Amino acid sequence: MVATISRDELKKKLDSGNGVTVVDALPRHTYLAGHLPGAVSLPADEVRELAQSRLPDKAAEVVVYCEREACGLAEQAASQLEGMGYRNVKRYAGGKQDWVEAGFGLQGGAAP
């Protein structure tokens, strides 16, 4: 099982600009409708094809999320990344729903 990160921890990392890469594991159309600030689209079913080009540094800190806690796409994508040699992968279990419910905004077409 992939390590998790809390919403507050993720928010602090994003606010500090410390270089964490946030990955949206949802389908591309969902990403376009609204995603966490600065997130990269890497749909869970395309990780093997796209990870190398979208996440070239396998040592970088990567946080993967999906829609909500019950969504398994983040776990799936994060596990695949670990299997491909990415060494610092975490999963934001609350996902987009938790982020929005906390009053934080999204980028893209959706508003909180």
C-alpha atoms as a PDB file:
ATOM      1  CA  MET A   1       0.000   0.000   0.000  1.00  0.00           C
ATOM      2  CA  VAL A   2       1.206   3.489  -0.913  1.00  0.00           C
ATOM      3  CA  ALA A   3       1.926   6.009   1.858  1.00  0.00           C
ATOM      4  CA  THR A   4      -0.689   8.734   2.292  1.00  0.00           C
ATOM      5  CA  ILE A   5      -0.498  12.472   2.812  1.00  0.00           C
ATOM      6  CA  SER A   6      -3.130  14.621   4.514  1.00  0.00           C
ATOM      7  CA  ARG A   7      -4.846  17.608   2.956  1.00  0.00           C
ATOM      8  CA  ASP A   8      -3.092  19.953   5.391  1.00  0.00           C
ATOM      9  CA  GLU A   9       0.338  18.486   4.602  1.00  0.00           C
ATOM     10  CA  LEU A  10      -0.300  18.780   0.878  1.00  0.00           C
ATOM     11  CA  LYS A  11      -1.577  22.354   1.199  1.00  0.00           C
ATOM     12  CA  LYS A  12       1.565  23.349   3.126  1.00  0.00           C
ATOM     13  CA  LYS A  13       3.789  21.784   0.476  1.00  0.00           C
ATOM     14  CA  LEU A  14       1.941  23.560  -2.332  1.00  0.00           C
ATOM     15  CA  ASP A  15       1.977  26.897  -0.488  1.00  0.00           C
ATOM     16  CA  SER A  16       5.710  26.630   0.219  1.00  0.00           C
ATOM     17  CA  GLY A  17       6.490  25.909  -3.427  1.00  0.00           C
ATOM     18  CA  ASN A  18       8.880  23.139  -2.418  1.00  0.00           C
ATOM     19  CA  GLY A  19       8.604  21.292  -5.716  1.00  0.00           C
ATOM     20  CA  VAL A  20       6.065  18.564  -5.004  1.00  0.00           C
ATOM     21  CA  THR A  21       4.466  17.226  -8.187  1.00  0.00           C
ATOM     22  CA  VAL A  22       0.726  16.677  -7.870  1.00  0.00           C
ATOM     23  CA  VAL A  23      -0.772  14.054 -10.175  1.00  0.00           C
ATOM     24  CA  ASP A  24      -4.462  13.804 -11.093  1.00  0.00           C
ATOM     25  CA  ALA A  25      -5.190  10.111 -11.799  1.00  0.00           C
ATOM     26  CA  LEU A  26      -8.704  10.759 -13.145  1.00  0.00           C
ATOM     27  CA  PRO A  27      -9.654  10.598 -16.838  1.00  0.00           C
ATOM     28  CA  ARG A  28      -8.487  13.590 -18.879  1.00  0.00           C
ATOM     29  CA  HIS A  29     -11.981  15.107 -19.289  1.00  0.00           C
ATOM     30  CA  THR A  30     -12.374  15.149 -15.490  1.00  0.00           C
ATOM     31  CA  TYR A  31      -8.956  16.787 -15.114  1.00  0.00           C
ATOM     32  CA  LEU A  32      -9.960  19.476 -17.616  1.00  0.00           C
ATOM     33  CA  ALA A  33     -13.172  20.164 -15.689  1.00  0.00           C
ATOM     34  CA  GLY A  34     -11.143  21.049 -12.582  1.00  0.00           C
ATOM     35  CA  HIS A  35      -8.004  19.882 -10.805  1.00  0.00           C
ATOM     36  CA  LEU A  36      -5.833  20.735  -7.812  1.00  0.00           C
ATOM     37  CA  PRO A  37      -3.494  23.687  -8.365  1.00  0.00           C
ATOM     38  CA  GLY A  38      -0.564  22.786 -10.588  1.00  0.00           C
ATOM     39  CA  ALA A  39      -1.635  19.170 -11.001  1.00  0.00           C
ATOM     40  CA  VAL A  40      -0.405  17.116 -13.932  1.00  0.00           C
ATOM     41  CA  SER A  41      -2.876  14.863 -15.754  1.00  0.00           C
ATOM     42  CA  LEU A  42      -1.798  11.225 -15.603  1.00  0.00           C
ATOM     43  CA  PRO A  43      -4.889   9.006 -15.931  1.00  0.00           C
ATOM     44  CA  ALA A  44      -4.502   5.738 -14.029  1.00  0.00           C
ATOM     45  CA  ASP A  45      -5.012   3.698 -17.185  1.00  0.00           C
ATOM     46  CA  GLU A  46      -2.213   5.574 -18.997  1.00  0.00           C
ATOM     47  CA  VAL A  47       0.502   5.620 -16.317  1.00  0.00           C
ATOM     48  CA  ARG A  48       2.804   3.171 -18.073  1.00  0.00           C
ATOM     49  CA  GLU A  49       2.623   5.112 -21.364  1.00  0.00           C
ATOM     50  CA  LEU A  50       2.860   8.685 -20.009  1.00  0.00           C
ATOM     51  CA  ALA A  51       4.793   8.635 -16.728  1.00  0.00           C
ATOM     52  CA  GLN A  52       8.262   8.857 -18.276  1.00  0.00           C
ATOM     53  CA  SER A  53       7.445  12.040 -20.198  1.00  0.00           C
ATOM     54  CA  ARG A  54       5.304  13.716 -17.526  1.00  0.00           C
ATOM     55  CA  LEU A  55       7.380  12.692 -14.492  1.00  0.00           C
ATOM     56  CA  PRO A  56      10.987  12.422 -15.689  1.00  0.00           C
ATOM     57  CA  ASP A  57      12.586  12.589 -12.197  1.00  0.00           C
ATOM     58  CA  LYS A  58      12.005   9.304 -10.396  1.00  0.00           C
ATOM     59  CA  ALA A  59      13.377  10.768  -7.147  1.00  0.00           C
ATOM     60  CA  ALA A  60      10.963  13.728  -7.062  1.00  0.00           C
ATOM     61  CA  GLU A  61       8.151  13.862  -4.534  1.00  0.00           C
ATOM     62  CA  VAL A  62       4.888  12.876  -6.248  1.00  0.00           C
ATOM     63  CA  VAL A  63       1.409  13.078  -4.720  1.00  0.00           C
ATOM     64  CA  VAL A  64      -1.364  11.257  -6.574  1.00  0.00           C
ATOM     65  CA  TYR A  65      -5.082  11.897  -6.055  1.00  0.00           C
ATOM     66  CA  CYS A  66      -8.443  11.089  -7.590  1.00  0.00           C
ATOM     67  CA  GLU A  67     -12.045  12.121  -6.896  1.00  0.00           C
ATOM     68  CA  ARG A  68     -12.594  11.017  -3.278  1.00  0.00           C
ATOM     69  CA  GLU A  69     -11.468   8.485  -0.715  1.00  0.00           C
ATOM     70  CA  ALA A  70     -13.548   5.645  -2.175  1.00  0.00           C
ATOM     71  CA  CYS A  71     -11.968   6.144  -5.616  1.00  0.00           C
ATOM     72  CA  GLY A  72      -9.258   3.565  -6.289  1.00  0.00           C
ATOM     73  CA  LEU A  73      -7.583   5.307  -9.215  1.00  0.00           C
ATOM     74  CA  ALA A  74      -5.016   7.149  -7.082  1.00  0.00           C
ATOM     75  CA  GLU A  75      -3.915   3.940  -5.374  1.00  0.00           C
ATOM     76  CA  GLN A  76      -3.720   2.193  -8.747  1.00  0.00           C
ATOM     77  CA  ALA A  77      -1.657   4.964 -10.346  1.00  0.00           C
ATOM     78  CA  ALA A  78       0.619   5.397  -7.325  1.00  0.00           C
ATOM     79  CA  SER A  79       1.290   1.649  -7.128  1.00  0.00           C
ATOM     80  CA  GLN A  80       2.177   1.587 -10.819  1.00  0.00           C
ATOM     81  CA  LEU A  81       4.554   4.514 -10.358  1.00  0.00           C
ATOM     82  CA  GLU A  82       6.279   2.755  -7.477  1.00  0.00           C
ATOM     83  CA  GLY A  83       6.561  -0.365  -9.617  1.00  0.00           C
ATOM     84  CA  MET A  84       8.241   1.729 -12.301  1.00  0.00           C
ATOM     85  CA  GLY A  85      10.892   2.916  -9.873  1.00  0.00           C
ATOM     86  CA  TYR A  86       9.478   6.186  -8.557  1.00  0.00           C
ATOM     87  CA  ARG A  87      10.829   6.421  -5.020  1.00  0.00           C
ATOM     88  CA  ASN A  88       8.839   9.167  -3.288  1.00  0.00           C
ATOM     89  CA  VAL A  89       5.163   8.569  -4.120  1.00  0.00           C
ATOM     90  CA  LYS A  90       2.281   9.407  -1.796  1.00  0.00           C
ATOM     91  CA  ARG A  91      -1.491   9.265  -2.174  1.00  0.00           C
ATOM     92  CA  TYR A  92      -3.834  12.078  -1.146  1.00  0.00           C
ATOM     93  CA  ALA A  93      -6.740   9.853  -0.129  1.00  0.00           C
ATOM     94  CA  GLY A  94      -9.356  12.597   0.284  1.00  0.00           C
ATOM     95  CA  GLY A  95      -8.896  13.695  -3.292  1.00  0.00           C
ATOM     96  CA  LYS A  96     -10.635  16.471  -5.104  1.00  0.00           C
ATOM     97  CA  GLN A  97     -13.810  16.197  -3.006  1.00  0.00           C
ATOM     98  CA  ASP A  98     -11.920  16.708   0.276  1.00  0.00           C
ATOM     99  CA  TRP A  99      -9.952  19.605  -1.215  1.00  0.00           C
ATOM    100  CA  VAL A 100     -13.083  21.432  -2.367  1.00  0.00           C
ATOM    101  CA  GLU A 101     -15.005  20.735   0.864  1.00  0.00           C
ATOM    102  CA  ALA A 102     -12.153  22.406   2.771  1.00  0.00           C
ATOM    103  CA  GLY A 103     -12.787  25.565   0.724  1.00  0.00           C
ATOM    104  CA  PHE A 104      -9.740  25.302  -1.522  1.00  0.00           C
ATOM    105  CA  GLY A 105     -10.077  26.145  -5.180  1.00  0.00           C
ATOM    106  CA  LEU A 106      -9.488  24.152  -8.312  1.00  0.00           C
ATOM    107  CA  GLN A 107      -7.839  25.120 -11.572  1.00  0.00           C
ATOM    108  CA  GLY A 108      -9.580  24.494 -14.860  1.00  0.00           C
ATOM    109  CA  GLY A 109     -13.282  24.595 -15.661  1.00  0.00           C
ATOM    110  CA  ALA A 110     -14.792  23.821 -12.240  1.00  0.00           C
ATOM    111  CA  ALA A 111     -15.199  26.146  -9.303  1.00  0.00           C
ATOM    112  CA  PRO A 112     -15.217  24.987  -5.687  1.00  0.00           C
END
